[in-house]
């Protein structure tokens, strides 16, 4: 029973973080696929990603949002980590949401 309680605690702790990362991934993908965003400045796109990350309570900083432009289109990559404090140990969850247009 104790093992199930501990497992349930882990699920309750980690699920919201992974769900919010998935929402950020979907947002970034939508940004890169909208035609009107192809001509927006990198700063505007970066601000949009940072605003969404803040809404989702994800610790994304400006230097973790990378925007690449090429003849093929727009690519946005976000690389960040979320520290999770457990009793006696801290786990750093690394996330790499990104998407590109074609």
Protein backbone atom coordinates (compact mmCIF):
# COMPACT_ATOMS: atom_id res chain seq x y z
CA UNK A 1 0.00 0.00 0.00
CA UNK A 2 2.85 2.37 0.83
CA UNK A 3 4.41 1.73 -2.57
CA UNK A 4 1.16 2.64 -4.30
CA UNK A 5 0.91 5.84 -2.27
CA UNK A 6 4.46 6.81 -3.22
CA UNK A 7 3.78 6.00 -6.87
CA UNK A 8 0.59 8.07 -6.73
CA UNK A 9 2.59 10.96 -5.27
CA UNK A 10 5.07 10.81 -8.15
CA UNK A 11 2.26 10.77 -10.69
CA UNK A 12 0.59 13.75 -9.02
CA UNK A 13 3.90 15.65 -8.94
CA UNK A 14 5.14 14.96 -12.48
CA UNK A 15 1.92 14.83 -14.55
CA UNK A 16 1.19 18.59 -14.51
CA UNK A 17 4.75 19.40 -15.59
CA UNK A 18 4.63 17.01 -18.54
CA UNK A 19 1.12 18.17 -19.48
CA UNK A 20 2.21 21.82 -19.47
CA UNK A 21 5.25 20.95 -21.61
CA UNK A 22 2.92 19.26 -24.09
CA UNK A 23 0.77 22.40 -24.19
CA UNK A 24 3.87 24.51 -24.85
CA UNK A 25 4.89 22.12 -27.64
CA UNK A 26 1.47 22.51 -29.26
CA UNK A 27 1.69 26.31 -28.96
CA UNK A 28 5.15 26.42 -30.56
CA UNK A 29 3.99 24.16 -33.39
CA UNK A 30 0.99 26.40 -34.04
CA UNK A 31 3.25 29.48 -34.06
CA UNK A 32 5.54 28.05 -36.72
CA UNK A 33 2.71 26.93 -38.96
CA UNK A 34 0.77 30.20 -39.07
CA UNK A 35 1.66 32.09 -42.24
CA UNK A 36 1.39 35.50 -40.55
CA UNK A 37 4.15 34.53 -38.10
CA UNK A 38 6.70 33.94 -40.86
CA UNK A 39 7.31 37.69 -41.12
CA UNK A 40 7.09 38.59 -37.44
CA UNK A 41 10.30 39.58 -35.71
CA UNK A 42 12.23 37.10 -33.60
CA UNK A 43 11.57 39.28 -30.55
CA UNK A 44 7.79 39.12 -31.02
CA UNK A 45 7.88 35.34 -31.48
CA UNK A 46 10.17 34.90 -28.48
CA UNK A 47 7.87 37.06 -26.35
CA UNK A 48 4.86 34.98 -27.40
CA UNK A 49 6.63 31.77 -26.35
CA UNK A 50 7.76 33.28 -23.05
CA UNK A 51 4.26 34.57 -22.29
CA UNK A 52 2.77 31.14 -22.94
CA UNK A 53 5.43 29.48 -20.77
CA UNK A 54 4.61 31.89 -17.94
CA UNK A 55 0.89 31.11 -18.30
CA UNK A 56 1.78 27.44 -17.95
CA UNK A 57 4.08 28.13 -14.98
CA UNK A 58 7.12 26.77 -16.83
CA UNK A 59 10.54 28.29 -15.98
CA UNK A 60 11.55 29.26 -19.53
CA UNK A 61 13.98 32.15 -19.93
CA UNK A 62 14.65 34.35 -22.95
CA UNK A 63 17.98 32.69 -23.77
CA UNK A 64 16.30 29.26 -23.86
CA UNK A 65 14.09 30.18 -26.83
CA UNK A 66 15.93 29.74 -30.15
CA UNK A 67 14.49 30.96 -33.44
CA UNK A 68 15.94 29.86 -36.76
CA UNK A 69 14.99 31.11 -40.19
CA UNK A 70 15.89 29.46 -43.48
CA UNK A 71 14.54 29.30 -47.01
CA UNK A 72 12.56 26.26 -45.82
CA UNK A 73 10.72 28.29 -43.19
CA UNK A 74 10.72 29.09 -39.51
CA UNK A 75 11.91 26.85 -36.67
CA UNK A 76 11.49 27.51 -32.95
CA UNK A 77 13.24 25.42 -30.32
CA UNK A 78 12.88 25.77 -26.58
CA UNK A 79 15.34 24.05 -24.24
CA UNK A 80 14.65 24.33 -20.54
CA UNK A 81 14.68 22.33 -17.35
CA UNK A 82 12.31 22.08 -14.44
CA UNK A 83 13.84 21.26 -11.05
CA UNK A 84 11.60 19.04 -8.94
CA UNK A 85 12.47 18.87 -5.26
CA UNK A 86 11.94 15.47 -3.70
CA UNK A 87 12.78 14.62 -0.11
CA UNK A 88 16.58 14.59 -0.03
CA UNK A 89 16.98 14.85 -3.80
CA UNK A 90 16.34 17.24 -6.67
CA UNK A 91 15.44 15.91 -10.10
CA UNK A 92 16.02 18.13 -13.14
CA UNK A 93 13.55 17.35 -15.89
CA UNK A 94 14.87 18.44 -19.30
CA UNK A 95 12.45 19.45 -22.04
CA UNK A 96 13.04 20.30 -25.71
CA UNK A 97 9.81 21.41 -27.36
CA UNK A 98 10.30 22.63 -30.88
CA UNK A 99 8.65 22.84 -34.26
CA UNK A 100 9.28 24.09 -37.74
CA UNK A 101 7.31 25.10 -40.76
CA UNK A 102 7.82 23.69 -44.22
